[in-house]
Amino acid sequence: GMLRELIAPAPEAGSLQAEARRITETIAADCGVVGLLAVEFFQSDGKLLINEIATRPHNSGHFSIEGAVTSQFEQHLRAVLDLPLGSTTLTAPWAVTENIVGGHSGDVCTSQVEQAMSLEGVHLHLYGKESRLGRKIGHLTVLGNNLESTRSLARRAAAIMKGECEDV
């Protein structure tokens, strides 16, 4: 499947957060990674399952463009150029990223972009790809202090981008 929604930090991760870090650091050390290592996990029955490993900027880190002091893209360049790494501190308590996926209606309309961008706090990134059913064509990120309101706004903007929402 494709990541549809990402919440950072992972809510209610608890002890799994330390386990995810340990697993990721072990993989990075064993592989001699220089630069980024994205390890995408699923949580199932209180256990972590690795879904994907990528040694490059990854869609699961796109929230960092607005949501971290140093984005994954800048961090990768710093690492491969042997520059000091930047802070990964979050810029808000919550970041929610929704992927924009092509639907039945074809290309994204200007009115959809205008409606989504009129919602305060929505950061929209379209990749310039032709829209096809099921193809990822962009993402949006919303930052906030409250998870539920941040998630609600991100989902509302994503619905607009899918053409599922007429009102602003």
N, C-alpha and C. Protein backbone atom coordinates (compact mmCIF):
# COMPACT_ATOMS: atom_id res chain seq x y z
N GLY A 1 0.80 -1.18 0.00
CA GLY A 1 0.00 0.00 0.00
C GLY A 1 0.86 1.25 0.00
N MET A 2 0.18 2.34 0.04
CA MET A 2 0.80 3.65 0.02
C MET A 2 0.43 4.40 1.29
N LEU A 3 1.41 5.07 1.85
CA LEU A 3 1.16 5.91 3.01
C LEU A 3 0.13 6.97 2.62
N ARG A 4 -0.93 7.08 3.36
CA ARG A 4 -1.96 8.09 3.09
C ARG A 4 -1.87 9.24 4.08
N GLU A 5 -1.57 8.91 5.35
CA GLU A 5 -1.51 9.92 6.40
C GLU A 5 -0.36 9.60 7.34
N LEU A 6 0.38 10.63 7.72
CA LEU A 6 1.47 10.47 8.66
C LEU A 6 1.28 11.46 9.79
N ILE A 7 1.47 11.01 11.01
CA ILE A 7 1.38 11.87 12.19
C ILE A 7 2.74 11.83 12.88
N ALA A 8 3.31 13.01 13.09
CA ALA A 8 4.59 13.10 13.80
C ALA A 8 4.44 14.04 14.97
N PRO A 9 4.90 13.63 16.15
CA PRO A 9 5.43 12.31 16.46
C PRO A 9 4.31 11.28 16.49
N ALA A 10 4.66 10.02 16.38
CA ALA A 10 3.66 8.95 16.39
C ALA A 10 2.91 8.99 17.72
N PRO A 11 1.58 9.12 17.67
CA PRO A 11 0.82 9.17 18.93
C PRO A 11 0.88 7.82 19.66
N GLU A 12 0.98 7.90 20.94
CA GLU A 12 0.95 6.72 21.80
C GLU A 12 2.00 5.68 21.42
N ALA A 13 3.16 6.14 20.96
CA ALA A 13 4.22 5.21 20.58
C ALA A 13 4.86 4.56 21.79
N GLY A 14 4.93 5.32 22.88
CA GLY A 14 5.46 4.78 24.13
C GLY A 14 6.79 4.09 23.97
N SER A 15 6.87 2.86 24.50
CA SER A 15 8.12 2.11 24.48
C SER A 15 8.53 1.69 23.07
N LEU A 16 7.60 1.69 22.14
CA LEU A 16 7.94 1.30 20.77
C LEU A 16 8.86 2.32 20.11
N GLN A 17 8.81 3.56 20.57
CA GLN A 17 9.67 4.59 19.99
C GLN A 17 11.14 4.26 20.23
N ALA A 18 11.48 3.85 21.41
CA ALA A 18 12.86 3.47 21.72
C ALA A 18 13.26 2.23 20.93
N GLU A 19 12.35 1.29 20.78
CA GLU A 19 12.63 0.07 20.00
C GLU A 19 12.85 0.42 18.53
N ALA A 20 12.04 1.31 17.98
CA ALA A 20 12.20 1.73 16.58
C ALA A 20 13.56 2.39 16.37
N ARG A 21 13.94 3.22 17.31
CA ARG A 21 15.24 3.89 17.21
C ARG A 21 16.38 2.87 17.26
N ARG A 22 16.28 1.90 18.17
CA ARG A 22 17.32 0.88 18.29
C ARG A 22 17.44 0.07 17.00
N ILE A 23 16.33 -0.33 16.43
CA ILE A 23 16.33 -1.11 15.18
C ILE A 23 16.94 -0.29 14.05
N THR A 24 16.51 0.97 13.94
CA THR A 24 17.00 1.84 12.87
C THR A 24 18.50 2.08 13.00
N GLU A 25 18.97 2.36 14.21
CA GLU A 25 20.41 2.58 14.42
C GLU A 25 21.22 1.33 14.12
N THR A 26 20.68 0.16 14.43
CA THR A 26 21.37 -1.10 14.13
C THR A 26 21.48 -1.30 12.62
N ILE A 27 20.40 -1.06 11.90
CA ILE A 27 20.42 -1.19 10.44
C ILE A 27 21.44 -0.22 9.84
N ALA A 28 21.40 1.04 10.29
CA ALA A 28 22.32 2.06 9.76
C ALA A 28 23.77 1.67 10.01
N ALA A 29 24.07 1.20 11.21
CA ALA A 29 25.45 0.82 11.54
C ALA A 29 25.89 -0.40 10.73
N ASP A 30 25.03 -1.39 10.64
CA ASP A 30 25.38 -2.61 9.90
C ASP A 30 25.58 -2.35 8.41
N CYS A 31 24.86 -1.38 7.88
CA CYS A 31 24.95 -1.07 6.44
C CYS A 31 25.95 0.04 6.14
N GLY A 32 26.49 0.70 7.16
CA GLY A 32 27.43 1.79 6.94
C GLY A 32 26.81 2.98 6.23
N VAL A 33 25.59 3.30 6.59
CA VAL A 33 24.83 4.37 5.91
C VAL A 33 25.46 5.73 6.16
N VAL A 34 25.65 6.49 5.08
CA VAL A 34 26.01 7.90 5.15
C VAL A 34 24.86 8.66 4.52
N GLY A 35 24.26 9.56 5.24
CA GLY A 35 23.09 10.28 4.74
C GLY A 35 21.86 9.81 5.48
N LEU A 36 20.75 9.79 4.80
CA LEU A 36 19.49 9.42 5.43
C LEU A 36 19.23 7.93 5.36
N LEU A 37 18.55 7.45 6.37
CA LEU A 37 18.00 6.11 6.36
C LEU A 37 16.58 6.23 6.88
N ALA A 38 15.63 5.97 6.00
CA ALA A 38 14.23 5.96 6.41
C ALA A 38 13.82 4.51 6.64
N VAL A 39 13.30 4.24 7.80
CA VAL A 39 12.76 2.92 8.11
C VAL A 39 11.31 3.13 8.47
N GLU A 40 10.43 2.62 7.63
CA GLU A 40 8.99 2.80 7.83
C GLU A 40 8.45 1.56 8.54
N PHE A 41 7.82 1.79 9.69
CA PHE A 41 7.30 0.70 10.50
C PHE A 41 5.78 0.70 10.48
N PHE A 42 5.22 -0.49 10.67
CA PHE A 42 3.81 -0.64 11.02
C PHE A 42 3.79 -1.13 12.46
N GLN A 43 2.75 -0.78 13.17
CA GLN A 43 2.55 -1.29 14.52
C GLN A 43 1.42 -2.31 14.45
N SER A 44 1.67 -3.52 14.92
CA SER A 44 0.67 -4.58 14.90
C SER A 44 0.75 -5.38 16.19
N ASP A 45 -0.35 -5.44 16.89
CA ASP A 45 -0.41 -6.18 18.16
C ASP A 45 0.70 -5.80 19.11
N GLY A 46 1.02 -4.50 19.19
CA GLY A 46 2.03 -4.01 20.10
C GLY A 46 3.46 -4.28 19.67
N LYS A 47 3.65 -4.74 18.44
CA LYS A 47 4.99 -5.02 17.92
C LYS A 47 5.24 -4.19 16.67
N LEU A 48 6.52 -3.95 16.39
CA LEU A 48 6.91 -3.21 15.19
C LEU A 48 7.23 -4.16 14.05
N LEU A 49 6.72 -3.83 12.88
CA LEU A 49 7.03 -4.57 11.66
C LEU A 49 7.64 -3.58 10.67
N ILE A 50 8.76 -3.93 10.08
CA ILE A 50 9.37 -3.04 9.08
C ILE A 50 8.61 -3.20 7.78
N ASN A 51 8.15 -2.07 7.24
CA ASN A 51 7.45 -2.06 5.96
C ASN A 51 8.40 -1.74 4.81
N GLU A 52 9.28 -0.76 5.03
CA GLU A 52 10.14 -0.30 3.94
C GLU A 52 11.40 0.33 4.51
N ILE A 53 12.50 0.16 3.78
CA ILE A 53 13.77 0.80 4.13
C ILE A 53 14.24 1.56 2.90
N ALA A 54 14.63 2.82 3.09
CA ALA A 54 15.13 3.63 1.98
C ALA A 54 16.32 4.46 2.44
N THR A 55 17.37 4.48 1.65
CA THR A 55 18.56 5.27 1.97
C THR A 55 18.54 6.57 1.18
N ARG A 56 17.47 7.32 1.38
CA ARG A 56 17.25 8.58 0.67
C ARG A 56 16.10 9.30 1.34
N PRO A 57 15.88 10.56 0.98
CA PRO A 57 14.66 11.21 1.46
C PRO A 57 13.44 10.35 1.06
N HIS A 58 12.48 10.30 1.94
CA HIS A 58 11.36 9.37 1.77
C HIS A 58 10.06 10.09 2.14
N ASN A 59 8.96 9.63 1.56
CA ASN A 59 7.69 10.29 1.83
C ASN A 59 7.31 10.29 3.31
N SER A 60 7.81 9.34 4.07
CA SER A 60 7.50 9.34 5.50
C SER A 60 8.23 10.46 6.25
N GLY A 61 9.16 11.13 5.59
CA GLY A 61 9.86 12.26 6.20
C GLY A 61 9.49 13.60 5.59
N HIS A 62 8.52 13.62 4.69
CA HIS A 62 8.14 14.88 4.05
C HIS A 62 7.61 15.91 5.05
N PHE A 63 7.07 15.45 6.17
CA PHE A 63 6.58 16.38 7.19
C PHE A 63 7.69 17.32 7.65
N SER A 64 8.95 16.87 7.53
CA SER A 64 10.08 17.65 8.05
C SER A 64 10.33 18.94 7.28
N ILE A 65 9.76 19.09 6.08
CA ILE A 65 9.96 20.32 5.32
C ILE A 65 9.48 21.51 6.15
N GLU A 66 8.29 21.41 6.71
CA GLU A 66 7.78 22.46 7.60
C GLU A 66 7.88 22.06 9.06
N GLY A 67 7.89 20.76 9.34
CA GLY A 67 7.72 20.29 10.70
C GLY A 67 8.96 20.08 11.52
N ALA A 68 10.14 20.29 10.95
CA ALA A 68 11.39 20.12 11.71
C ALA A 68 12.32 21.29 11.42
N VAL A 69 13.18 21.58 12.37
CA VAL A 69 14.14 22.67 12.19
C VAL A 69 14.99 22.41 10.95
N THR A 70 15.41 21.17 10.74
CA THR A 70 16.17 20.79 9.56
C THR A 70 15.39 19.72 8.81
N SER A 71 15.06 19.97 7.55
CA SER A 71 14.28 19.01 6.78
C SER A 71 15.14 17.80 6.43
N GLN A 72 14.48 16.72 6.04
CA GLN A 72 15.21 15.52 5.64
C GLN A 72 16.09 15.79 4.42
N PHE A 73 15.68 16.69 3.55
CA PHE A 73 16.45 17.00 2.35
C PHE A 73 17.75 17.72 2.72
N GLU A 74 17.62 18.75 3.58
CA GLU A 74 18.82 19.46 4.03
C GLU A 74 19.73 18.53 4.83
N GLN A 75 19.14 17.71 5.68
CA GLN A 75 19.94 16.80 6.52
C GLN A 75 20.74 15.83 5.65
N HIS A 76 20.12 15.33 4.60
CA HIS A 76 20.81 14.40 3.70
C HIS A 76 22.02 15.08 3.05
N LEU A 77 21.82 16.29 2.57
CA LEU A 77 22.94 17.03 1.97
C LEU A 77 24.04 17.29 2.98
N ARG A 78 23.67 17.67 4.19
CA ARG A 78 24.67 17.91 5.23
C ARG A 78 25.50 16.64 5.47
N ALA A 79 24.82 15.50 5.53
CA ALA A 79 25.52 14.24 5.82
C ALA A 79 26.47 13.85 4.70
N VAL A 80 25.99 13.88 3.46
CA VAL A 80 26.86 13.42 2.36
C VAL A 80 27.97 14.42 2.05
N LEU A 81 27.79 15.69 2.44
CA LEU A 81 28.84 16.69 2.23
C LEU A 81 29.74 16.84 3.46
N ASP A 82 29.52 15.97 4.45
CA ASP A 82 30.30 15.96 5.68
C ASP A 82 30.23 17.30 6.42
N LEU A 83 29.04 17.88 6.42
CA LEU A 83 28.78 19.11 7.18
C LEU A 83 28.12 18.73 8.50
N PRO A 84 28.14 19.61 9.48
CA PRO A 84 27.46 19.30 10.74
C PRO A 84 25.97 19.06 10.51
N LEU A 85 25.44 18.06 11.18
CA LEU A 85 24.02 17.77 11.05
C LEU A 85 23.21 18.85 11.76
N GLY A 86 21.99 19.10 11.25
CA GLY A 86 21.11 20.09 11.85
C GLY A 86 20.19 19.48 12.89
N SER A 87 19.51 20.34 13.60
CA SER A 87 18.57 19.91 14.62
C SER A 87 17.35 19.24 13.98
N THR A 88 16.90 18.15 14.57
CA THR A 88 15.69 17.48 14.11
C THR A 88 14.49 17.82 15.00
N THR A 89 14.65 18.83 15.83
CA THR A 89 13.56 19.25 16.72
C THR A 89 12.34 19.64 15.90
N LEU A 90 11.17 19.22 16.36
CA LEU A 90 9.92 19.58 15.69
C LEU A 90 9.63 21.07 15.88
N THR A 91 9.02 21.68 14.87
CA THR A 91 8.68 23.09 14.93
C THR A 91 7.30 23.33 15.54
N ALA A 92 6.55 22.26 15.77
CA ALA A 92 5.24 22.33 16.41
C ALA A 92 5.03 21.00 17.13
N PRO A 93 4.12 20.96 18.08
CA PRO A 93 3.88 19.70 18.78
C PRO A 93 3.41 18.56 17.86
N TRP A 94 2.65 18.92 16.80
CA TRP A 94 2.13 17.90 15.89
C TRP A 94 2.31 18.33 14.44
N ALA A 95 2.63 17.37 13.59
CA ALA A 95 2.66 17.56 12.14
C ALA A 95 1.86 16.42 11.52
N VAL A 96 0.91 16.77 10.66
CA VAL A 96 0.13 15.75 9.96
C VAL A 96 0.32 15.96 8.47
N THR A 97 0.74 14.90 7.79
CA THR A 97 0.93 14.93 6.34
C THR A 97 -0.08 14.00 5.70
N GLU A 98 -0.75 14.51 4.68
CA GLU A 98 -1.69 13.72 3.88
C GLU A 98 -1.13 13.67 2.47
N ASN A 99 -1.04 12.50 1.90
CA ASN A 99 -0.60 12.38 0.51
C ASN A 99 -1.77 12.71 -0.42
N ILE A 100 -1.45 13.34 -1.54
CA ILE A 100 -2.45 13.66 -2.55
C ILE A 100 -2.29 12.61 -3.65
N VAL A 101 -3.37 11.88 -3.90
CA VAL A 101 -3.35 10.78 -4.84
C VAL A 101 -4.34 11.06 -5.95
N GLY A 102 -3.94 10.78 -7.18
CA GLY A 102 -4.82 10.99 -8.33
C GLY A 102 -6.10 10.19 -8.21
N GLY A 103 -7.19 10.81 -8.63
CA GLY A 103 -8.50 10.17 -8.54
C GLY A 103 -9.13 9.97 -9.91
N HIS A 104 -10.42 9.68 -9.91
CA HIS A 104 -11.16 9.43 -11.14
C HIS A 104 -11.32 10.68 -11.98
N SER A 105 -11.29 11.85 -11.33
CA SER A 105 -11.61 13.10 -12.03
C SER A 105 -10.45 13.66 -12.84
N GLY A 106 -9.27 13.06 -12.77
CA GLY A 106 -8.14 13.55 -13.56
C GLY A 106 -7.32 14.56 -12.81
N ASP A 107 -6.81 15.55 -13.55
CA ASP A 107 -5.89 16.53 -12.99
C ASP A 107 -6.53 17.38 -11.89
N VAL A 108 -5.67 17.87 -11.01
CA VAL A 108 -6.09 18.78 -9.95
C VAL A 108 -6.46 20.12 -10.58
N CYS A 109 -7.57 20.69 -10.16
CA CYS A 109 -8.02 21.98 -10.70
C CYS A 109 -7.44 23.13 -9.88
N THR A 110 -7.30 24.27 -10.53
CA THR A 110 -6.82 25.47 -9.85
C THR A 110 -7.70 25.80 -8.66
N SER A 111 -9.01 25.60 -8.79
CA SER A 111 -9.92 25.93 -7.69
C SER A 111 -9.65 25.04 -6.47
N GLN A 112 -9.26 23.80 -6.69
CA GLN A 112 -8.94 22.92 -5.56
C GLN A 112 -7.71 23.44 -4.83
N VAL A 113 -6.68 23.83 -5.58
CA VAL A 113 -5.46 24.37 -4.98
C VAL A 113 -5.80 25.63 -4.21
N GLU A 114 -6.59 26.53 -4.81
CA GLU A 114 -6.95 27.79 -4.14
C GLU A 114 -7.73 27.52 -2.86
N GLN A 115 -8.67 26.58 -2.90
CA GLN A 115 -9.47 26.26 -1.70
C GLN A 115 -8.60 25.68 -0.60
N ALA A 116 -7.75 24.73 -0.96
CA ALA A 116 -6.89 24.10 0.06
C ALA A 116 -5.92 25.12 0.65
N MET A 117 -5.35 25.97 -0.21
CA MET A 117 -4.38 26.97 0.27
C MET A 117 -5.05 28.11 1.04
N SER A 118 -6.37 28.25 0.93
CA SER A 118 -7.06 29.28 1.70
C SER A 118 -7.24 28.86 3.16
N LEU A 119 -7.02 27.59 3.45
CA LEU A 119 -7.12 27.11 4.83
C LEU A 119 -5.81 27.44 5.55
N GLU A 120 -5.92 28.24 6.58
CA GLU A 120 -4.71 28.69 7.29
C GLU A 120 -3.91 27.52 7.84
N GLY A 121 -2.62 27.52 7.51
CA GLY A 121 -1.71 26.51 8.04
C GLY A 121 -1.47 25.33 7.12
N VAL A 122 -2.11 25.30 5.95
CA VAL A 122 -1.93 24.19 5.01
C VAL A 122 -0.73 24.50 4.11
N HIS A 123 0.21 23.57 4.07
CA HIS A 123 1.39 23.68 3.21
C HIS A 123 1.25 22.61 2.13
N LEU A 124 1.03 23.03 0.89
CA LEU A 124 0.76 22.12 -0.22
C LEU A 124 1.99 21.97 -1.10
N HIS A 125 2.29 20.73 -1.46
CA HIS A 125 3.42 20.43 -2.34
C HIS A 125 2.90 19.52 -3.46
N LEU A 126 2.82 20.06 -4.68
CA LEU A 126 2.46 19.25 -5.85
C LEU A 126 3.73 18.97 -6.63
N TYR A 127 3.86 17.75 -7.15
CA TYR A 127 5.11 17.30 -7.74
C TYR A 127 5.19 17.51 -9.25
N GLY A 128 4.16 18.05 -9.87
CA GLY A 128 4.19 18.27 -11.31
C GLY A 128 3.99 16.99 -12.11
N LYS A 129 3.48 15.95 -11.47
CA LYS A 129 3.23 14.67 -12.14
C LYS A 129 1.83 14.67 -12.75
N GLU A 130 1.68 13.96 -13.85
CA GLU A 130 0.37 13.77 -14.45
C GLU A 130 -0.48 12.96 -13.47
N SER A 131 -1.71 13.39 -13.29
CA SER A 131 -2.60 12.71 -12.36
C SER A 131 -3.18 11.46 -13.02
N ARG A 132 -2.98 10.33 -12.34
CA ARG A 132 -3.59 9.06 -12.74
C ARG A 132 -4.18 8.43 -11.48
N LEU A 133 -5.21 7.64 -11.67
CA LEU A 133 -5.87 6.99 -10.56
C LEU A 133 -4.85 6.21 -9.72
N GLY A 134 -4.76 6.56 -8.44
CA GLY A 134 -3.89 5.86 -7.51
C GLY A 134 -2.45 6.33 -7.49
N ARG A 135 -2.07 7.30 -8.32
CA ARG A 135 -0.69 7.79 -8.36
C ARG A 135 -0.50 8.95 -7.40
N LYS A 136 0.56 8.90 -6.61
CA LYS A 136 0.86 10.00 -5.70
C LYS A 136 1.35 11.19 -6.51
N ILE A 137 0.66 12.32 -6.35
CA ILE A 137 0.99 13.51 -7.13
C ILE A 137 1.42 14.68 -6.24
N GLY A 138 1.40 14.48 -4.92
CA GLY A 138 1.81 15.53 -4.01
C GLY A 138 1.48 15.18 -2.57
N HIS A 139 1.70 16.15 -1.70
CA HIS A 139 1.33 15.97 -0.30
C HIS A 139 1.05 17.34 0.30
N LEU A 140 0.41 17.33 1.45
CA LEU A 140 0.22 18.55 2.21
C LEU A 140 0.53 18.27 3.66
N THR A 141 0.98 19.30 4.35
CA THR A 141 1.33 19.18 5.76
C THR A 141 0.67 20.29 6.54
N VAL A 142 0.17 19.96 7.71
CA VAL A 142 -0.42 20.92 8.64
C VAL A 142 0.27 20.74 9.98
N LEU A 143 0.66 21.85 10.59
CA LEU A 143 1.28 21.83 11.92
C LEU A 143 0.28 22.37 12.93
N GLY A 144 0.35 21.88 14.18
CA GLY A 144 -0.56 22.40 15.18
C GLY A 144 -0.20 22.00 16.59
N ASN A 145 -0.95 22.57 17.52
CA ASN A 145 -0.76 22.30 18.94
C ASN A 145 -1.66 21.19 19.46
N ASN A 146 -2.73 20.89 18.72
CA ASN A 146 -3.70 19.89 19.13
C ASN A 146 -3.82 18.85 18.02
N LEU A 147 -3.62 17.58 18.35
CA LEU A 147 -3.61 16.54 17.32
C LEU A 147 -4.93 16.47 16.57
N GLU A 148 -6.04 16.44 17.26
CA GLU A 148 -7.32 16.25 16.58
C GLU A 148 -7.65 17.39 15.63
N SER A 149 -7.43 18.63 16.03
CA SER A 149 -7.73 19.75 15.14
C SER A 149 -6.73 19.81 13.98
N THR A 150 -5.49 19.46 14.23
CA THR A 150 -4.48 19.45 13.17
C THR A 150 -4.81 18.37 12.14
N ARG A 151 -5.19 17.22 12.64
CA ARG A 151 -5.56 16.10 11.76
C ARG A 151 -6.82 16.43 10.97
N SER A 152 -7.78 17.04 11.62
CA SER A 152 -9.03 17.41 10.95
C SER A 152 -8.78 18.39 9.81
N LEU A 153 -7.95 19.40 10.05
CA LEU A 153 -7.64 20.38 9.02
C LEU A 153 -6.89 19.72 7.86
N ALA A 154 -5.95 18.85 8.15
CA ALA A 154 -5.21 18.16 7.09
C ALA A 154 -6.15 17.29 6.26
N ARG A 155 -7.05 16.59 6.91
CA ARG A 155 -8.00 15.74 6.18
C ARG A 155 -8.96 16.58 5.35
N ARG A 156 -9.36 17.72 5.87
CA ARG A 156 -10.25 18.61 5.11
C ARG A 156 -9.55 19.11 3.84
N ALA A 157 -8.30 19.53 3.97
CA ALA A 157 -7.54 20.01 2.82
C ALA A 157 -7.34 18.88 1.81
N ALA A 158 -7.05 17.67 2.30
CA ALA A 158 -6.87 16.52 1.40
C ALA A 158 -8.16 16.20 0.67
N ALA A 159 -9.30 16.30 1.36
CA ALA A 159 -10.59 16.05 0.71
C ALA A 159 -10.85 17.06 -0.40
N ILE A 160 -10.49 18.31 -0.16
CA ILE A 160 -10.61 19.35 -1.20
C ILE A 160 -9.77 18.95 -2.41
N MET A 161 -8.54 18.53 -2.16
CA MET A 161 -7.64 18.19 -3.25
C MET A 161 -8.13 16.96 -4.03
N LYS A 162 -8.91 16.09 -3.38
CA LYS A 162 -9.48 14.93 -4.05
C LYS A 162 -10.77 15.29 -4.77
N GLY A 163 -11.26 16.52 -4.57
CA GLY A 163 -12.52 16.93 -5.18
C GLY A 163 -13.72 16.45 -4.41
N GLU A 164 -13.52 16.07 -3.15
CA GLU A 164 -14.61 15.54 -2.32
C GLU A 164 -15.28 16.61 -1.48
N CYS A 165 -14.81 17.84 -1.56
CA CYS A 165 -15.30 18.88 -0.68
C CYS A 165 -15.49 20.17 -1.48
N GLU A 166 -16.67 20.70 -1.47
CA GLU A 166 -16.95 21.93 -2.22
C GLU A 166 -16.79 23.19 -1.39
N ASP A 167 -17.16 23.12 -0.11
CA ASP A 167 -17.13 24.34 0.72
C ASP A 167 -15.76 24.59 1.32
N VAL A 168 -15.50 25.85 1.63
CA VAL A 168 -14.25 26.21 2.27
C VAL A 168 -14.56 26.55 3.66
